[in-house]
N, C-alpha and C. Protein backbone atom coordinates (compact mmCIF):
# COMPACT_ATOMS: atom_id res chain seq x y z
N MET A 1 24.81 121.29 94.30
CA MET A 1 25.76 120.69 93.40
C MET A 1 25.30 120.87 91.95
N ALA A 2 26.19 121.35 91.12
CA ALA A 2 25.87 121.55 89.71
C ALA A 2 26.00 120.22 88.97
N LEU A 3 25.11 120.01 88.05
CA LEU A 3 25.12 118.79 87.25
C LEU A 3 26.26 118.86 86.23
N THR A 4 27.04 117.81 86.15
CA THR A 4 28.12 117.73 85.18
C THR A 4 27.54 117.44 83.80
N ILE A 5 27.89 118.30 82.85
CA ILE A 5 27.43 118.12 81.47
C ILE A 5 28.68 118.02 80.58
N PRO A 6 28.95 116.85 80.01
CA PRO A 6 30.10 116.72 79.12
C PRO A 6 29.96 117.63 77.90
N ASP A 7 31.09 117.99 77.31
CA ASP A 7 31.11 118.90 76.16
C ASP A 7 30.17 118.49 75.04
N GLN A 8 30.09 117.19 74.76
CA GLN A 8 29.25 116.75 73.64
C GLN A 8 27.76 117.02 73.87
N PHE A 9 27.38 117.30 75.12
CA PHE A 9 25.98 117.60 75.44
C PHE A 9 25.76 119.06 75.83
N SER A 10 26.78 119.90 75.71
CA SER A 10 26.66 121.28 76.19
C SER A 10 25.56 122.06 75.45
N ALA A 11 25.31 121.74 74.20
CA ALA A 11 24.30 122.47 73.43
C ALA A 11 22.88 122.18 73.92
N ILE A 12 22.69 121.08 74.62
CA ILE A 12 21.36 120.72 75.11
C ILE A 12 21.33 120.67 76.63
N ARG A 13 22.18 121.44 77.25
CA ARG A 13 22.33 121.47 78.71
C ARG A 13 21.00 121.65 79.43
N SER A 14 20.20 122.60 79.01
CA SER A 14 18.94 122.89 79.72
C SER A 14 17.97 121.71 79.62
N HIS A 15 17.95 121.02 78.49
CA HIS A 15 17.09 119.85 78.33
C HIS A 15 17.52 118.72 79.28
N ILE A 16 18.82 118.54 79.36
CA ILE A 16 19.35 117.50 80.25
C ILE A 16 19.02 117.83 81.69
N GLU A 17 19.22 119.07 82.08
CA GLU A 17 18.95 119.47 83.47
C GLU A 17 17.48 119.27 83.84
N LYS A 18 16.58 119.63 82.92
CA LYS A 18 15.14 119.45 83.18
C LYS A 18 14.79 117.97 83.28
N LYS A 19 15.27 117.19 82.34
CA LYS A 19 14.97 115.75 82.33
C LYS A 19 15.57 115.08 83.56
N TYR A 20 16.76 115.49 83.95
CA TYR A 20 17.44 114.93 85.11
C TYR A 20 16.63 115.17 86.38
N LYS A 21 16.07 116.35 86.51
CA LYS A 21 15.27 116.69 87.70
C LYS A 21 13.94 115.95 87.71
N ALA A 22 13.36 115.73 86.53
CA ALA A 22 12.00 115.21 86.44
C ALA A 22 11.88 113.70 86.30
N ASP A 23 12.93 113.02 85.85
CA ASP A 23 12.81 111.62 85.46
C ASP A 23 13.86 110.77 86.18
N GLU A 24 13.41 109.94 87.10
CA GLU A 24 14.33 109.12 87.89
C GLU A 24 15.12 108.13 87.03
N THR A 25 14.48 107.53 86.05
CA THR A 25 15.17 106.59 85.17
C THR A 25 16.27 107.29 84.39
N PHE A 26 15.94 108.46 83.85
CA PHE A 26 16.95 109.24 83.13
C PHE A 26 18.10 109.58 84.06
N ARG A 27 17.78 109.99 85.26
CA ARG A 27 18.79 110.37 86.25
C ARG A 27 19.73 109.19 86.55
N ASP A 28 19.17 108.01 86.74
CA ASP A 28 19.98 106.83 87.01
C ASP A 28 20.91 106.51 85.84
N ILE A 29 20.37 106.54 84.64
CA ILE A 29 21.17 106.25 83.44
C ILE A 29 22.24 107.32 83.25
N TYR A 30 21.87 108.57 83.47
CA TYR A 30 22.83 109.66 83.32
C TYR A 30 23.97 109.54 84.33
N ASN A 31 23.64 109.18 85.56
CA ASN A 31 24.68 108.99 86.58
C ASN A 31 25.61 107.84 86.20
N ASP A 32 25.04 106.75 85.68
CA ASP A 32 25.86 105.64 85.20
C ASP A 32 26.76 106.11 84.05
N TYR A 33 26.19 106.89 83.16
CA TYR A 33 26.95 107.43 82.03
C TYR A 33 28.16 108.22 82.52
N LEU A 34 27.96 109.10 83.49
CA LEU A 34 29.08 109.89 84.01
C LEU A 34 30.13 109.02 84.68
N THR A 35 29.69 107.99 85.38
CA THR A 35 30.62 107.06 86.02
C THR A 35 31.46 106.34 84.97
N TYR A 36 30.82 105.84 83.92
CA TYR A 36 31.53 105.12 82.86
C TYR A 36 32.43 106.07 82.07
N LEU A 37 32.00 107.31 81.89
CA LEU A 37 32.82 108.30 81.20
C LEU A 37 34.10 108.56 81.99
N ASP A 38 33.98 108.70 83.30
CA ASP A 38 35.16 108.88 84.16
C ASP A 38 36.08 107.66 84.08
N ALA A 39 35.49 106.47 84.11
CA ALA A 39 36.30 105.24 84.02
C ALA A 39 37.01 105.17 82.68
N ASN A 40 36.33 105.56 81.62
CA ASN A 40 36.95 105.55 80.30
C ASN A 40 38.13 106.52 80.25
N ARG A 41 37.97 107.69 80.84
CA ARG A 41 39.08 108.66 80.89
C ARG A 41 40.25 108.08 81.68
N PHE A 42 39.95 107.44 82.81
CA PHE A 42 40.99 106.84 83.63
C PHE A 42 41.79 105.82 82.81
N TRP A 43 41.09 104.89 82.15
CA TRP A 43 41.78 103.85 81.41
C TRP A 43 42.46 104.39 80.16
N SER A 44 41.99 105.50 79.64
CA SER A 44 42.64 106.12 78.48
C SER A 44 44.00 106.70 78.85
N ASN A 45 44.17 107.03 80.12
CA ASN A 45 45.44 107.59 80.60
C ASN A 45 46.28 106.56 81.35
N ASN A 46 45.93 105.30 81.22
CA ASN A 46 46.60 104.23 81.95
C ASN A 46 47.39 103.39 80.95
N SER A 47 48.57 102.96 81.34
CA SER A 47 49.42 102.21 80.41
C SER A 47 49.65 100.76 80.84
N THR A 48 48.82 100.25 81.72
CA THR A 48 48.97 98.86 82.14
C THR A 48 48.53 97.91 81.02
N ASP A 49 48.83 96.65 81.19
CA ASP A 49 48.48 95.65 80.16
C ASP A 49 46.98 95.52 79.93
N VAL A 50 46.19 95.76 80.97
CA VAL A 50 44.73 95.61 80.83
C VAL A 50 44.06 96.88 80.30
N ALA A 51 44.79 97.97 80.21
CA ALA A 51 44.20 99.25 79.81
C ALA A 51 43.48 99.21 78.46
N PRO A 52 44.07 98.65 77.41
CA PRO A 52 43.36 98.65 76.12
C PRO A 52 42.00 97.96 76.18
N ALA A 53 41.93 96.84 76.87
CA ALA A 53 40.66 96.11 76.99
C ALA A 53 39.66 96.93 77.80
N ARG A 54 40.10 97.55 78.86
CA ARG A 54 39.21 98.37 79.70
C ARG A 54 38.73 99.59 78.94
N ARG A 55 39.64 100.20 78.16
CA ARG A 55 39.25 101.36 77.34
C ARG A 55 38.13 100.99 76.38
N ARG A 56 38.31 99.86 75.70
CA ARG A 56 37.27 99.40 74.76
C ARG A 56 35.96 99.14 75.48
N GLU A 57 36.05 98.47 76.62
CA GLU A 57 34.86 98.13 77.39
C GLU A 57 34.10 99.39 77.81
N TYR A 58 34.81 100.35 78.39
CA TYR A 58 34.14 101.55 78.86
C TYR A 58 33.71 102.46 77.72
N ALA A 59 34.46 102.49 76.63
CA ALA A 59 34.05 103.27 75.47
C ALA A 59 32.73 102.75 74.92
N GLU A 60 32.60 101.43 74.88
CA GLU A 60 31.35 100.82 74.40
C GLU A 60 30.19 101.16 75.33
N LEU A 61 30.42 101.07 76.64
CA LEU A 61 29.36 101.41 77.61
C LEU A 61 28.96 102.87 77.48
N VAL A 62 29.93 103.75 77.36
CA VAL A 62 29.65 105.18 77.21
C VAL A 62 28.83 105.42 75.94
N ASN A 63 29.22 104.80 74.85
CA ASN A 63 28.52 104.96 73.58
C ASN A 63 27.07 104.47 73.69
N GLU A 64 26.87 103.32 74.30
CA GLU A 64 25.52 102.77 74.45
C GLU A 64 24.64 103.69 75.30
N LEU A 65 25.20 104.20 76.40
CA LEU A 65 24.40 105.06 77.27
C LEU A 65 24.14 106.42 76.62
N GLU A 66 25.10 106.93 75.85
CA GLU A 66 24.86 108.18 75.11
C GLU A 66 23.66 108.02 74.19
N LYS A 67 23.64 106.92 73.46
CA LYS A 67 22.52 106.67 72.54
C LYS A 67 21.20 106.58 73.30
N GLU A 68 21.22 105.88 74.42
CA GLU A 68 20.00 105.73 75.22
C GLU A 68 19.53 107.08 75.76
N LEU A 69 20.46 107.89 76.24
CA LEU A 69 20.10 109.21 76.77
C LEU A 69 19.52 110.09 75.67
N ILE A 70 20.13 110.07 74.50
CA ILE A 70 19.64 110.87 73.38
C ILE A 70 18.24 110.43 72.98
N GLN A 71 18.01 109.12 72.95
CA GLN A 71 16.66 108.62 72.64
C GLN A 71 15.65 109.11 73.67
N MET A 72 16.02 109.07 74.93
CA MET A 72 15.11 109.53 75.98
C MET A 72 14.82 111.01 75.85
N LEU A 73 15.83 111.79 75.50
CA LEU A 73 15.63 113.23 75.32
C LEU A 73 14.74 113.50 74.10
N LYS A 74 14.97 112.77 73.01
CA LYS A 74 14.14 112.95 71.81
C LYS A 74 12.70 112.56 72.09
N LYS A 75 12.52 111.45 72.81
CA LYS A 75 11.16 111.01 73.14
C LYS A 75 10.45 112.07 73.99
N GLY A 76 11.17 112.64 74.94
CA GLY A 76 10.60 113.69 75.77
C GLY A 76 10.24 114.92 74.95
N ALA A 77 11.07 115.26 73.97
CA ALA A 77 10.80 116.40 73.10
C ALA A 77 9.59 116.13 72.23
N ASP A 78 9.49 114.90 71.71
CA ASP A 78 8.36 114.52 70.86
C ASP A 78 7.05 114.57 71.65
N GLU A 79 7.10 114.13 72.90
CA GLU A 79 5.89 114.13 73.74
C GLU A 79 5.46 115.55 74.09
N ALA A 80 6.41 116.47 74.14
CA ALA A 80 6.10 117.85 74.50
C ALA A 80 5.47 118.62 73.34
N THR A 81 5.61 118.08 72.12
CA THR A 81 5.04 118.79 70.95
C THR A 81 3.69 118.27 70.58
């Protein structure tokens, strides 16, 4: 199975793939990120009354996990130098 890499991370695909294979914590957070990203897309295309609140909720979760993943990747890069 190929690892899903969202467009915003395509430039650092190889770093993500390496970190994903080597770091269980990163892998868990990344999997959560993909789940929340899918949920955000779902609610973005939904027109029910609860959709706006769900969109905001999942957008916030996606944003928080993106920041955490980037920090983990930067820390890994810093440790490698």
